[in-house]
């Protein structure tokens, strides 16, 4: 079964040709074939005709009027995890919510735990990593991220010595 990642929300119709004002948390270097909208509890695929990232406008295939668009808004937008992995590999920016459930490995390829979420604290972003029964707060900083493999859902991390002992 395919996994999906939430990437935004459709906000309102725009213009007369079926365009949609959307808040998407990710930019696309290359358009995926489909996005998925949450409609009546199911994820429904929609082909993408065009995205204007500067204006946050989305044009989906088969929608040609504001009335058709109005039936879909507001809807949560999802991307298949395989498309998300390809998008992230080609992008300079990382959608932080996409790292949820990635495995965090140290520089010696030893599993540290699973990233449960990323939270914003006053001084910086923090990984919340589950290691067995324990949760650890680890700083999210680009100097500590050695590598990201979006296809394998792995983050290689330069874990400072003793950090897991400090906040255990």
N, C-alpha and C. Protein backbone atom coordinates (compact mmCIF):
# COMPACT_ATOMS: atom_id res chain seq x y z
N UNK A 1 0.84 -1.18 0.00
CA UNK A 1 0.00 0.00 0.00
C UNK A 1 0.88 1.24 0.00
N UNK A 2 0.54 2.17 -0.82
CA UNK A 2 1.29 3.42 -0.97
C UNK A 2 1.13 4.29 0.26
N UNK A 3 2.21 4.96 0.68
CA UNK A 3 2.14 5.94 1.75
C UNK A 3 1.99 7.32 1.13
N UNK A 4 1.40 8.22 1.89
CA UNK A 4 1.16 9.58 1.40
C UNK A 4 1.64 10.58 2.44
N UNK A 5 2.07 11.75 1.95
CA UNK A 5 2.56 12.81 2.81
C UNK A 5 1.71 14.05 2.57
N UNK A 6 1.22 14.63 3.65
CA UNK A 6 0.44 15.86 3.53
C UNK A 6 1.36 17.00 3.12
N UNK A 7 0.97 17.75 2.07
CA UNK A 7 1.83 18.83 1.59
C UNK A 7 1.13 20.18 1.57
N UNK A 8 -0.15 20.24 1.88
CA UNK A 8 -0.81 21.54 1.87
C UNK A 8 -2.31 21.44 1.85
N UNK A 9 -2.93 22.56 1.43
CA UNK A 9 -4.39 22.63 1.40
C UNK A 9 -4.84 23.50 0.23
N UNK A 10 -5.95 23.11 -0.40
CA UNK A 10 -6.58 23.95 -1.41
C UNK A 10 -7.39 25.00 -0.67
N UNK A 11 -7.25 26.28 -1.07
CA UNK A 11 -7.89 27.35 -0.31
C UNK A 11 -9.16 27.89 -0.96
N UNK A 12 -9.09 28.27 -2.25
CA UNK A 12 -10.26 28.84 -2.91
C UNK A 12 -10.04 28.87 -4.41
N UNK A 13 -11.14 29.02 -5.14
CA UNK A 13 -11.02 29.13 -6.60
C UNK A 13 -10.41 30.49 -6.94
N UNK A 14 -9.80 30.55 -8.13
CA UNK A 14 -9.13 31.77 -8.56
C UNK A 14 -9.40 31.94 -10.05
N UNK A 15 -9.96 33.04 -10.42
CA UNK A 15 -10.23 33.31 -11.84
C UNK A 15 -11.41 32.51 -12.35
N UNK A 16 -11.48 32.41 -13.68
CA UNK A 16 -12.63 31.77 -14.31
C UNK A 16 -12.29 30.48 -15.03
N UNK A 17 -11.02 30.06 -14.99
CA UNK A 17 -10.62 28.89 -15.78
C UNK A 17 -10.37 27.63 -14.94
N UNK A 18 -10.77 27.65 -13.66
CA UNK A 18 -10.60 26.47 -12.84
C UNK A 18 -9.29 26.41 -12.07
N UNK A 19 -8.62 27.56 -11.94
CA UNK A 19 -7.40 27.58 -11.13
C UNK A 19 -7.78 27.61 -9.64
N UNK A 20 -6.84 27.17 -8.82
CA UNK A 20 -7.09 27.07 -7.39
C UNK A 20 -5.96 27.75 -6.64
N UNK A 21 -6.31 28.60 -5.71
CA UNK A 21 -5.33 29.17 -4.78
C UNK A 21 -5.02 28.07 -3.77
N UNK A 22 -3.75 27.74 -3.61
CA UNK A 22 -3.37 26.64 -2.73
C UNK A 22 -2.19 27.04 -1.87
N UNK A 23 -2.17 26.51 -0.67
CA UNK A 23 -1.01 26.66 0.21
C UNK A 23 -0.28 25.32 0.19
N UNK A 24 0.85 25.28 -0.52
CA UNK A 24 1.65 24.06 -0.59
C UNK A 24 2.96 24.30 0.15
N UNK A 25 3.35 23.34 0.97
CA UNK A 25 4.55 23.48 1.80
C UNK A 25 5.81 23.03 1.08
N UNK A 26 5.72 22.80 -0.19
CA UNK A 26 6.87 22.32 -0.94
C UNK A 26 6.84 22.90 -2.34
N UNK A 27 8.03 23.17 -2.88
CA UNK A 27 8.13 23.62 -4.26
C UNK A 27 8.50 22.45 -5.15
N UNK A 28 8.14 22.54 -6.40
CA UNK A 28 8.40 21.45 -7.33
C UNK A 28 9.36 21.89 -8.41
N UNK A 29 10.47 21.17 -8.56
CA UNK A 29 11.36 21.36 -9.70
C UNK A 29 10.75 20.71 -10.93
N UNK A 30 10.06 19.61 -10.69
CA UNK A 30 9.43 18.82 -11.73
C UNK A 30 8.08 18.36 -11.19
N UNK A 31 7.04 18.52 -11.98
CA UNK A 31 5.70 18.18 -11.50
C UNK A 31 5.50 16.68 -11.38
N UNK A 32 4.91 16.23 -10.28
CA UNK A 32 4.52 14.82 -10.21
C UNK A 32 3.31 14.61 -11.12
N UNK A 33 3.01 13.38 -11.44
CA UNK A 33 1.86 13.10 -12.29
C UNK A 33 0.55 13.42 -11.59
N UNK A 34 0.49 13.13 -10.28
CA UNK A 34 -0.75 13.29 -9.54
C UNK A 34 -0.50 13.87 -8.16
N UNK A 35 -1.49 14.59 -7.68
CA UNK A 35 -1.60 14.88 -6.26
C UNK A 35 -2.86 14.16 -5.81
N UNK A 36 -3.03 14.04 -4.52
CA UNK A 36 -4.20 13.36 -3.98
C UNK A 36 -4.92 14.31 -3.03
N UNK A 37 -6.24 14.40 -3.19
CA UNK A 37 -7.05 15.25 -2.33
C UNK A 37 -7.88 14.38 -1.40
N UNK A 38 -7.97 14.81 -0.17
CA UNK A 38 -8.79 14.11 0.80
C UNK A 38 -10.23 14.55 0.62
N UNK A 39 -11.05 13.64 0.07
CA UNK A 39 -12.46 13.94 -0.19
C UNK A 39 -13.32 12.84 0.44
N UNK A 40 -14.19 13.23 1.34
CA UNK A 40 -15.08 12.28 2.02
C UNK A 40 -14.34 11.08 2.61
N UNK A 41 -13.19 11.34 3.20
CA UNK A 41 -12.44 10.29 3.87
C UNK A 41 -11.57 9.43 2.97
N UNK A 42 -11.53 9.72 1.69
CA UNK A 42 -10.69 8.94 0.75
C UNK A 42 -9.72 9.87 0.04
N UNK A 43 -8.60 9.31 -0.38
CA UNK A 43 -7.65 10.07 -1.17
C UNK A 43 -7.94 9.84 -2.64
N UNK A 44 -8.22 10.92 -3.35
CA UNK A 44 -8.62 10.86 -4.75
C UNK A 44 -7.52 11.50 -5.60
N UNK A 45 -7.02 10.79 -6.62
CA UNK A 45 -5.94 11.35 -7.45
C UNK A 45 -6.48 12.39 -8.44
N UNK A 46 -5.69 13.45 -8.62
CA UNK A 46 -5.98 14.47 -9.62
C UNK A 46 -4.69 14.75 -10.39
N UNK A 47 -4.79 14.75 -11.71
CA UNK A 47 -3.65 15.10 -12.54
C UNK A 47 -3.37 16.59 -12.43
N UNK A 48 -2.10 16.94 -12.51
CA UNK A 48 -1.69 18.35 -12.41
C UNK A 48 -1.45 18.87 -13.82
N UNK A 49 -2.14 19.94 -14.15
CA UNK A 49 -1.95 20.57 -15.44
C UNK A 49 -0.84 21.63 -15.36
N UNK A 50 -0.86 22.41 -14.26
CA UNK A 50 0.10 23.51 -14.12
C UNK A 50 0.16 23.97 -12.66
N UNK A 51 1.36 24.39 -12.24
CA UNK A 51 1.52 25.03 -10.93
C UNK A 51 2.27 26.34 -11.14
N UNK A 52 1.71 27.43 -10.64
CA UNK A 52 2.39 28.73 -10.61
C UNK A 52 2.83 28.93 -9.17
N UNK A 53 4.10 28.58 -8.89
CA UNK A 53 4.58 28.58 -7.51
C UNK A 53 4.69 29.98 -6.93
N UNK A 54 4.94 30.98 -7.79
CA UNK A 54 5.06 32.35 -7.28
C UNK A 54 3.72 32.88 -6.80
N UNK A 55 2.64 32.52 -7.49
CA UNK A 55 1.31 33.00 -7.12
C UNK A 55 0.52 31.99 -6.30
N UNK A 56 1.14 30.84 -6.03
CA UNK A 56 0.47 29.75 -5.28
C UNK A 56 -0.82 29.31 -5.97
N UNK A 57 -0.75 29.17 -7.28
CA UNK A 57 -1.91 28.73 -8.06
C UNK A 57 -1.68 27.34 -8.62
N UNK A 58 -2.73 26.57 -8.64
CA UNK A 58 -2.69 25.19 -9.08
C UNK A 58 -3.81 24.99 -10.10
N UNK A 59 -3.51 24.32 -11.20
CA UNK A 59 -4.53 23.98 -12.19
C UNK A 59 -4.53 22.47 -12.32
N UNK A 60 -5.66 21.86 -11.99
CA UNK A 60 -5.80 20.41 -12.07
C UNK A 60 -6.53 20.03 -13.36
N UNK A 61 -6.16 18.88 -13.88
CA UNK A 61 -6.82 18.39 -15.09
C UNK A 61 -8.30 18.18 -14.84
N UNK A 62 -9.10 18.41 -15.83
CA UNK A 62 -10.55 18.18 -15.84
C UNK A 62 -11.34 19.23 -15.07
N UNK A 63 -10.70 20.18 -14.43
CA UNK A 63 -11.43 21.25 -13.74
C UNK A 63 -11.31 22.53 -14.57
N UNK A 64 -12.45 23.06 -15.00
CA UNK A 64 -12.38 24.21 -15.91
C UNK A 64 -13.25 25.39 -15.47
N UNK A 65 -13.83 25.32 -14.27
CA UNK A 65 -14.66 26.43 -13.82
C UNK A 65 -14.53 26.61 -12.31
N UNK A 66 -14.84 27.82 -11.85
CA UNK A 66 -14.82 28.06 -10.39
C UNK A 66 -15.82 27.17 -9.66
N UNK A 67 -16.94 26.87 -10.29
CA UNK A 67 -17.96 26.04 -9.66
C UNK A 67 -17.43 24.62 -9.39
N UNK A 68 -16.66 24.08 -10.33
CA UNK A 68 -16.07 22.75 -10.13
C UNK A 68 -15.03 22.78 -9.01
N UNK A 69 -14.24 23.84 -8.98
CA UNK A 69 -13.21 23.99 -7.95
C UNK A 69 -13.84 24.15 -6.58
N UNK A 70 -14.93 24.93 -6.50
CA UNK A 70 -15.57 25.20 -5.21
C UNK A 70 -16.05 23.92 -4.52
N UNK A 71 -16.31 22.87 -5.29
CA UNK A 71 -16.72 21.60 -4.71
C UNK A 71 -15.56 20.89 -4.00
N UNK A 72 -14.32 21.32 -4.29
CA UNK A 72 -13.14 20.66 -3.73
C UNK A 72 -12.48 21.43 -2.59
N UNK A 73 -12.84 22.69 -2.40
CA UNK A 73 -12.17 23.49 -1.38
C UNK A 73 -13.03 23.62 -0.13
N UNK A 74 -12.43 23.62 1.03
CA UNK A 74 -11.01 23.32 1.27
C UNK A 74 -10.77 21.81 1.28
N UNK A 75 -9.66 21.39 0.73
CA UNK A 75 -9.26 19.98 0.77
C UNK A 75 -7.78 19.90 1.12
N UNK A 76 -7.44 18.90 1.89
CA UNK A 76 -6.04 18.65 2.20
C UNK A 76 -5.39 17.98 1.00
N UNK A 77 -4.16 18.41 0.68
CA UNK A 77 -3.42 17.90 -0.48
C UNK A 77 -2.33 16.95 -0.01
N UNK A 78 -2.24 15.80 -0.66
CA UNK A 78 -1.24 14.79 -0.34
C UNK A 78 -0.43 14.47 -1.60
N UNK A 79 0.76 13.96 -1.37
CA UNK A 79 1.63 13.50 -2.44
C UNK A 79 2.05 12.08 -2.08
N UNK A 80 2.10 11.21 -3.08
CA UNK A 80 2.58 9.84 -2.83
C UNK A 80 4.01 9.93 -2.32
N UNK A 81 4.35 9.09 -1.36
CA UNK A 81 5.69 9.16 -0.76
C UNK A 81 6.80 8.95 -1.79
N UNK A 82 6.56 8.14 -2.80
CA UNK A 82 7.59 7.95 -3.84
C UNK A 82 7.81 9.24 -4.62
N UNK A 83 6.71 9.98 -4.92
CA UNK A 83 6.85 11.27 -5.58
C UNK A 83 7.51 12.28 -4.66
N UNK A 84 7.18 12.21 -3.37
CA UNK A 84 7.80 13.11 -2.39
C UNK A 84 9.30 12.87 -2.34
N UNK A 85 9.72 11.62 -2.33
CA UNK A 85 11.15 11.30 -2.28
C UNK A 85 11.87 11.87 -3.51
N UNK A 86 11.28 11.70 -4.69
CA UNK A 86 11.90 12.25 -5.91
C UNK A 86 11.95 13.78 -5.85
N UNK A 87 10.88 14.39 -5.35
CA UNK A 87 10.83 15.85 -5.26
C UNK A 87 11.88 16.36 -4.29
N UNK A 88 12.01 15.70 -3.14
CA UNK A 88 13.00 16.14 -2.15
C UNK A 88 14.42 15.94 -2.63
N UNK A 89 14.67 14.88 -3.38
CA UNK A 89 16.01 14.64 -3.89
C UNK A 89 16.45 15.76 -4.83
N UNK A 90 15.49 16.37 -5.54
CA UNK A 90 15.80 17.40 -6.53
C UNK A 90 15.72 18.80 -5.95
N UNK A 91 15.28 18.92 -4.71
CA UNK A 91 15.02 20.21 -4.12
C UNK A 91 16.12 20.60 -3.13
N UNK A 92 16.37 21.90 -3.07
CA UNK A 92 17.30 22.44 -2.07
C UNK A 92 16.61 22.49 -0.70
N UNK A 93 15.30 22.66 -0.70
CA UNK A 93 14.54 22.81 0.54
C UNK A 93 13.96 21.47 0.96
N UNK A 94 13.96 21.23 2.25
CA UNK A 94 13.40 20.00 2.77
C UNK A 94 12.12 20.34 3.52
N UNK A 95 11.07 19.66 3.18
CA UNK A 95 9.82 19.79 3.90
C UNK A 95 9.98 19.01 5.20
N UNK A 96 10.04 19.72 6.31
CA UNK A 96 10.38 19.07 7.58
C UNK A 96 9.38 18.00 7.96
N UNK A 97 8.11 18.22 7.69
CA UNK A 97 7.13 17.20 8.05
C UNK A 97 7.34 15.90 7.27
N UNK A 98 8.05 15.98 6.15
CA UNK A 98 8.32 14.77 5.36
C UNK A 98 9.31 13.84 6.07
N UNK A 99 10.07 14.35 7.03
CA UNK A 99 11.06 13.53 7.73
C UNK A 99 10.44 12.68 8.85
N UNK A 100 9.16 12.88 9.10
CA UNK A 100 8.48 12.09 10.12
C UNK A 100 8.54 10.61 9.73
N UNK A 101 8.89 9.77 10.70
CA UNK A 101 9.04 8.32 10.54
C UNK A 101 10.29 7.91 9.76
N UNK A 102 11.20 8.85 9.52
CA UNK A 102 12.50 8.48 8.96
C UNK A 102 13.32 7.85 10.08
N UNK A 103 14.23 6.96 9.70
CA UNK A 103 15.16 6.37 10.66
C UNK A 103 16.37 7.28 10.78
N UNK A 104 16.75 7.59 12.00
CA UNK A 104 17.92 8.42 12.26
C UNK A 104 19.09 7.51 12.58
N UNK A 105 20.16 7.64 11.80
CA UNK A 105 21.38 6.82 11.97
C UNK A 105 22.52 7.75 12.37
N UNK A 106 23.43 7.23 13.19
CA UNK A 106 24.60 8.05 13.52
C UNK A 106 25.65 7.91 12.41
N UNK A 107 26.77 8.62 12.56
CA UNK A 107 27.79 8.63 11.50
C UNK A 107 28.42 7.26 11.27
N UNK A 108 28.27 6.34 12.25
CA UNK A 108 28.81 4.98 12.11
C UNK A 108 27.75 4.00 11.63
N UNK A 109 26.63 4.53 11.12
CA UNK A 109 25.51 3.72 10.61
C UNK A 109 24.83 2.87 11.68
N UNK A 110 24.83 3.36 12.92
CA UNK A 110 24.12 2.70 14.01
C UNK A 110 22.79 3.43 14.18
N UNK A 111 21.70 2.66 14.27
CA UNK A 111 20.38 3.26 14.39
C UNK A 111 20.25 3.97 15.73
N UNK A 112 19.88 5.25 15.67
CA UNK A 112 19.63 6.05 16.87
C UNK A 112 18.17 5.89 17.27
N UNK A 113 17.26 5.94 16.29
CA UNK A 113 15.84 5.82 16.56
C UNK A 113 15.04 6.27 15.35
N UNK A 114 13.76 6.52 15.58
CA UNK A 114 12.84 6.95 14.52
C UNK A 114 12.38 8.37 14.83
N UNK A 115 12.44 9.23 13.82
CA UNK A 115 12.00 10.62 13.98
C UNK A 115 10.47 10.62 14.07
N UNK A 116 9.95 11.04 15.20
CA UNK A 116 8.50 11.09 15.39
C UNK A 116 7.92 12.43 14.96
N UNK A 117 8.68 13.49 15.16
CA UNK A 117 8.25 14.80 14.68
C UNK A 117 9.39 15.79 14.83
N UNK A 118 9.18 16.96 14.28
CA UNK A 118 10.13 18.06 14.42
C UNK A 118 9.36 19.21 15.03
N UNK A 119 9.87 19.73 16.14
CA UNK A 119 9.19 20.82 16.84
C UNK A 119 10.07 22.05 16.86
N UNK A 120 9.40 23.19 16.82
CA UNK A 120 10.12 24.46 16.87
C UNK A 120 10.19 24.93 18.32
N UNK A 121 11.39 25.11 18.79
CA UNK A 121 11.63 25.66 20.12
C UNK A 121 12.15 27.08 19.94
N UNK A 122 12.15 27.89 21.00
CA UNK A 122 12.56 29.29 20.84
C UNK A 122 13.95 29.47 20.19
N UNK A 123 14.87 28.59 20.49
CA UNK A 123 16.22 28.78 19.96
C UNK A 123 16.48 28.02 18.67
N UNK A 124 15.73 26.93 18.42
CA UNK A 124 15.97 26.15 17.20
C UNK A 124 14.95 25.04 17.03
N UNK A 125 15.05 24.37 15.89
CA UNK A 125 14.22 23.21 15.62
C UNK A 125 14.84 21.99 16.29
N UNK A 126 13.97 21.08 16.74
CA UNK A 126 14.44 19.87 17.41
C UNK A 126 13.75 18.65 16.82
N UNK A 127 14.54 17.59 16.60
CA UNK A 127 13.98 16.29 16.29
C UNK A 127 13.43 15.69 17.58
N UNK A 128 12.28 15.07 17.53
CA UNK A 128 11.84 14.20 18.62
C UNK A 128 12.02 12.79 18.07
N UNK A 129 12.98 12.07 18.69
CA UNK A 129 13.37 10.76 18.20
C UNK A 129 12.98 9.71 19.23
N UNK A 130 12.28 8.70 18.76
CA UNK A 130 11.87 7.60 19.62
C UNK A 130 12.90 6.48 19.51
N UNK A 131 13.42 6.10 20.68
CA UNK A 131 14.40 5.03 20.75
C UNK A 131 13.88 4.03 21.78
N UNK A 132 13.26 2.98 21.29
CA UNK A 132 12.62 2.03 22.21
C UNK A 132 11.48 2.72 22.94
N UNK A 133 11.55 2.70 24.27
CA UNK A 133 10.52 3.33 25.11
C UNK A 133 10.82 4.80 25.39
N UNK A 134 12.00 5.26 25.01
CA UNK A 134 12.42 6.63 25.33
C UNK A 134 12.27 7.56 24.14
N UNK A 135 12.06 8.84 24.45
CA UNK A 135 12.08 9.88 23.43
C UNK A 135 13.23 10.81 23.76
N UNK A 136 13.92 11.25 22.70
CA UNK A 136 15.05 12.16 22.85
C UNK A 136 14.81 13.41 22.02
N UNK A 137 15.22 14.55 22.55
CA UNK A 137 15.25 15.79 21.78
C UNK A 137 16.65 15.97 21.23
N UNK A 138 16.75 16.06 19.92
CA UNK A 138 18.04 16.25 19.27
C UNK A 138 17.97 17.48 18.38
N UNK A 139 19.00 18.32 18.40
CA UNK A 139 18.96 19.54 17.59
C UNK A 139 18.92 19.24 16.09
N UNK A 140 18.03 19.94 15.40
CA UNK A 140 17.98 19.87 13.95
C UNK A 140 18.81 21.03 13.44
N UNK A 141 19.98 20.71 12.90
CA UNK A 141 20.87 21.73 12.38
C UNK A 141 21.59 21.16 11.17
N UNK A 142 21.70 21.98 10.13
CA UNK A 142 22.27 21.48 8.87
C UNK A 142 23.69 20.95 9.03
N UNK A 143 24.45 21.46 10.00
CA UNK A 143 25.82 20.97 10.21
C UNK A 143 25.83 19.56 10.78
N UNK A 144 24.73 19.14 11.43
CA UNK A 144 24.66 17.81 12.02
C UNK A 144 24.06 16.77 11.07
N UNK A 145 23.40 17.24 10.02
CA UNK A 145 22.82 16.33 9.03
C UNK A 145 23.91 15.99 8.01
N UNK A 146 24.32 14.74 8.02
CA UNK A 146 25.37 14.31 7.11
C UNK A 146 24.83 13.89 5.75
N UNK A 147 23.64 13.29 5.78
CA UNK A 147 23.07 12.75 4.55
C UNK A 147 21.59 12.48 4.76
N UNK A 148 20.81 12.64 3.69
CA UNK A 148 19.40 12.27 3.71
C UNK A 148 19.12 11.39 2.52
N UNK A 149 18.51 10.26 2.77
CA UNK A 149 18.11 9.34 1.71
C UNK A 149 16.59 9.22 1.76
N UNK A 150 15.93 9.95 0.87
CA UNK A 150 14.48 10.00 0.90
C UNK A 150 13.83 8.72 0.39
N UNK A 151 14.55 7.95 -0.41
CA UNK A 151 13.99 6.70 -0.91
C UNK A 151 14.00 5.63 0.18
N UNK A 152 15.05 5.61 1.00
CA UNK A 152 15.14 4.65 2.09
C UNK A 152 14.59 5.21 3.40
N UNK A 153 14.22 6.48 3.40
CA UNK A 153 13.73 7.17 4.59
C UNK A 153 14.74 7.12 5.73
N UNK A 154 15.96 7.54 5.41
CA UNK A 154 17.06 7.56 6.38
C UNK A 154 17.66 8.96 6.48
N UNK A 155 18.03 9.34 7.70
CA UNK A 155 18.80 10.56 7.93
C UNK A 155 20.06 10.13 8.66
N UNK A 156 21.21 10.44 8.07
CA UNK A 156 22.48 10.17 8.73
C UNK A 156 22.87 11.44 9.49
N UNK A 157 23.19 11.29 10.77
CA UNK A 157 23.28 12.41 11.70
C UNK A 157 24.58 12.33 12.49
N UNK A 158 25.25 13.46 12.63
CA UNK A 158 26.47 13.53 13.42
C UNK A 158 26.08 13.77 14.88
N UNK A 159 25.79 12.69 15.57
CA UNK A 159 25.30 12.74 16.94
C UNK A 159 26.43 13.14 17.89
N UNK A 160 26.30 14.29 18.55
CA UNK A 160 27.33 14.69 19.51
C UNK A 160 27.45 13.65 20.63
N UNK A 161 28.68 13.35 21.03
CA UNK A 161 28.93 12.37 22.09
C UNK A 161 28.18 12.74 23.36
N UNK A 162 27.52 11.74 23.95
CA UNK A 162 26.85 11.92 25.23
C UNK A 162 25.49 12.59 25.17
N UNK A 163 25.04 13.05 23.99
CA UNK A 163 23.79 13.78 23.91
C UNK A 163 22.58 12.91 24.29
N UNK A 164 22.60 11.65 23.91
CA UNK A 164 21.47 10.77 24.27
C UNK A 164 21.41 10.55 25.79
N UNK A 165 22.54 10.63 26.46
CA UNK A 165 22.57 10.44 27.92
C UNK A 165 22.04 11.68 28.64
N UNK A 166 22.22 12.85 28.05
CA UNK A 166 21.82 14.11 28.69
C UNK A 166 20.32 14.21 28.80
N UNK A 167 19.61 13.91 27.72
CA UNK A 167 18.16 14.11 27.78
C UNK A 167 17.40 12.77 27.79
N UNK A 168 17.98 11.77 28.43
CA UNK A 168 17.31 10.46 28.53
C UNK A 168 16.25 10.49 29.61
